[in-house]
């Protein structure tokens, strides 16, 4: 299935190209083909969409979690409550999709749980060896994406009060 805006992706390839045109260290995005860009944007949307969001879906038949009604959050930077229009996909969600798509491009096989390890790498007089077989796992959802959507997630941005007795 090809990328379809608001059906399987929150953003288009053109929007992502514009975003990455201004982002540092994004040469991997520029070198990717359009079909690959579509694939990572759709996959990134699926991963980002699986959160417990503030507000309520506008329609029970919508394919994605956004747009939502009754959605607002406190923006720390602005110092005020932001009310999200019922026909809007917040820019925070779009940025999270861009960053997650970039993360998927940079970490091929991440969804399969594959990691790359090495025992020895040599380049000229430089040599690296992994003698204790420790592996650093890369998270499936990147922290860059999470930081943008945190205020839009129930309890992620302290949108609900709770009390321990």
Protein backbone atom coordinates (compact mmCIF):
# COMPACT_ATOMS: atom_id res chain seq x y z
CA UNK A 1 0.00 0.00 0.00
CA UNK A 2 1.33 3.41 -0.91
CA UNK A 3 1.46 6.30 1.52
CA UNK A 4 -1.93 7.97 1.91
CA UNK A 5 -2.10 11.12 4.03
CA UNK A 6 -4.25 10.69 7.17
CA UNK A 7 -4.95 7.07 6.27
CA UNK A 8 -1.57 5.47 6.97
CA UNK A 9 0.71 8.47 7.49
CA UNK A 10 0.47 11.81 9.26
CA UNK A 11 2.86 13.41 6.75
CA UNK A 12 3.75 13.31 3.07
CA UNK A 13 7.16 12.69 1.54
CA UNK A 14 7.23 16.33 0.39
CA UNK A 15 6.63 17.54 3.97
CA UNK A 16 9.34 15.22 5.26
CA UNK A 17 11.74 16.39 2.55
CA UNK A 18 11.13 20.00 3.64
CA UNK A 19 11.69 19.07 7.30
CA UNK A 20 14.94 17.24 6.58
CA UNK A 21 16.09 20.03 4.29
CA UNK A 22 16.49 22.14 7.44
CA UNK A 23 17.71 19.38 9.78
CA UNK A 24 21.39 18.72 10.45
CA UNK A 25 22.91 15.30 9.74
CA UNK A 26 20.08 14.20 7.47
CA UNK A 27 22.00 13.03 4.40
CA UNK A 28 20.61 9.49 4.78
CA UNK A 29 17.12 10.92 4.21
CA UNK A 30 18.19 12.81 1.09
CA UNK A 31 19.80 9.68 -0.38
CA UNK A 32 16.76 7.44 0.21
CA UNK A 33 14.40 6.69 -2.68
CA UNK A 34 10.79 7.87 -2.60
CA UNK A 35 9.39 4.33 -2.07
CA UNK A 36 11.74 3.81 0.90
CA UNK A 37 10.76 7.21 2.33
CA UNK A 38 7.08 6.25 2.02
CA UNK A 39 7.73 2.94 3.77
CA UNK A 40 9.54 4.48 6.73
CA UNK A 41 6.95 7.26 7.09
CA UNK A 42 4.09 4.73 7.14
CA UNK A 43 5.96 2.51 9.62
CA UNK A 44 6.92 5.49 11.77
CA UNK A 45 3.27 6.61 11.82
CA UNK A 46 2.18 3.14 12.93
CA UNK A 47 4.72 3.13 15.76
CA UNK A 48 3.92 6.66 16.92
CA UNK A 49 0.17 6.10 16.61
CA UNK A 50 0.22 3.31 19.22
CA UNK A 51 0.09 5.65 22.22
CA UNK A 52 -2.59 6.43 24.76
CA UNK A 53 -3.34 9.94 23.52
CA UNK A 54 -5.12 12.81 25.23
CA UNK A 55 -8.64 13.59 24.03
CA UNK A 56 -10.87 11.39 21.91
CA UNK A 57 -10.86 10.33 18.27
CA UNK A 58 -13.07 12.64 16.20
CA UNK A 59 -14.65 9.69 14.39
CA UNK A 60 -14.78 5.98 15.25
CA UNK A 61 -14.04 5.22 11.60
CA UNK A 62 -10.83 7.26 11.28
CA UNK A 63 -7.77 5.22 10.40
CA UNK A 64 -5.32 7.02 12.71
CA UNK A 65 -5.56 8.34 16.26
CA UNK A 66 -5.42 11.99 15.16
CA UNK A 67 -7.35 14.25 14.75
CA UNK A 68 -8.86 14.24 18.24
CA UNK A 69 -11.45 16.25 20.11
CA UNK A 70 -11.14 17.59 23.66
CA UNK A 71 -7.34 17.61 23.36
CA UNK A 72 -5.25 20.21 25.13
CA UNK A 73 -1.92 20.24 26.91
CA UNK A 74 0.32 22.58 28.85
CA UNK A 75 3.23 23.78 26.74
CA UNK A 76 6.23 24.35 29.02
CA UNK A 77 8.04 26.53 26.51
CA UNK A 78 5.04 28.80 25.91
CA UNK A 79 3.93 28.68 29.54
CA UNK A 80 0.30 28.19 28.59
CA UNK A 81 -2.36 25.64 27.80
CA UNK A 82 -2.62 24.79 24.09
CA UNK A 83 -6.00 23.67 22.75
CA UNK A 84 -5.75 21.51 19.63
CA UNK A 85 -8.43 22.06 16.99
CA UNK A 86 -10.59 19.04 16.14
CA UNK A 87 -9.40 19.03 12.54
CA UNK A 88 -5.70 19.33 13.40
CA UNK A 89 -2.84 16.88 13.62
CA UNK A 90 -0.43 18.61 16.01
CA UNK A 91 2.94 19.61 14.64
CA UNK A 92 4.44 17.65 17.56
CA UNK A 93 3.01 14.43 16.10
CA UNK A 94 4.35 15.25 12.64
CA UNK A 95 7.84 15.98 13.98
CA UNK A 96 7.75 12.72 15.94
CA UNK A 97 6.94 10.85 12.70
CA UNK A 98 9.82 12.56 10.87
CA UNK A 99 12.26 11.70 13.65
CA UNK A 100 10.99 8.13 13.95
CA UNK A 101 11.27 7.62 10.18
CA UNK A 102 14.84 8.93 10.29
CA UNK A 103 15.57 6.54 13.18
CA UNK A 104 14.24 3.61 11.13
CA UNK A 105 16.44 4.57 8.18
CA UNK A 106 19.50 4.77 10.43
CA UNK A 107 18.82 1.45 12.19
CA UNK A 108 17.91 -1.12 9.58
CA UNK A 109 16.48 -4.28 11.13
CA UNK A 110 15.56 -2.57 14.41
CA UNK A 111 12.00 -3.92 14.35
CA UNK A 112 13.33 -7.43 13.97
CA UNK A 113 15.39 -7.08 17.12
CA UNK A 114 18.60 -7.37 15.14
CA UNK A 115 21.71 -5.77 16.52
CA UNK A 116 25.16 -5.55 15.08
CA UNK A 117 28.08 -6.56 17.25
CA UNK A 118 31.74 -6.90 16.48
CA UNK A 119 34.63 -8.91 17.83
CA UNK A 120 37.31 -7.10 15.94
CA UNK A 121 37.45 -4.20 13.49
CA UNK A 122 40.71 -2.94 12.07
CA UNK A 123 41.43 0.04 9.87
CA UNK A 124 45.12 0.59 9.37
CA UNK A 125 46.69 0.88 12.80
CA UNK A 126 43.32 1.40 14.53
CA UNK A 127 41.72 -1.71 16.00
CA UNK A 128 38.51 -2.25 18.02
CA UNK A 129 37.56 -5.49 19.76
CA UNK A 130 34.40 -6.39 21.63
CA UNK A 131 35.93 -8.74 24.17
CA UNK A 132 33.09 -8.90 26.69
CA UNK A 133 30.25 -9.29 24.16
CA UNK A 134 28.20 -6.46 25.62
CA UNK A 135 25.50 -5.19 23.30
CA UNK A 136 23.87 -1.80 23.48
CA UNK A 137 20.30 -2.10 22.31
CA UNK A 138 18.84 0.69 20.24
CA UNK A 139 15.24 1.46 21.26
CA UNK A 140 12.57 0.95 18.60
CA UNK A 141 11.00 4.33 19.40
CA UNK A 142 13.63 7.04 19.37
CA UNK A 143 13.94 9.53 22.21
CA UNK A 144 13.79 12.33 19.64
CA UNK A 145 10.24 11.27 18.73
CA UNK A 146 9.18 10.66 22.31
CA UNK A 147 10.18 14.11 23.54
CA UNK A 148 7.86 15.77 21.02
CA UNK A 149 4.77 13.69 21.77
CA UNK A 150 5.20 13.39 25.54
CA UNK A 151 2.75 16.26 26.33
CA UNK A 152 0.12 14.62 24.09
CA UNK A 153 0.20 11.26 25.85
CA UNK A 154 -2.02 10.57 28.85
CA UNK A 155 0.22 10.66 31.92
CA UNK A 156 3.20 11.26 29.65
CA UNK A 157 2.82 14.99 30.04
CA UNK A 158 1.09 14.95 33.42
CA UNK A 159 -2.35 15.44 31.87
CA UNK A 160 -4.11 13.35 34.51
CA UNK A 161 -3.99 13.64 38.26
CA UNK A 162 -3.56 10.54 40.36
CA UNK A 163 -3.15 10.02 44.05
CA UNK A 164 -1.62 7.20 46.01
CA UNK A 165 -3.31 6.54 49.34
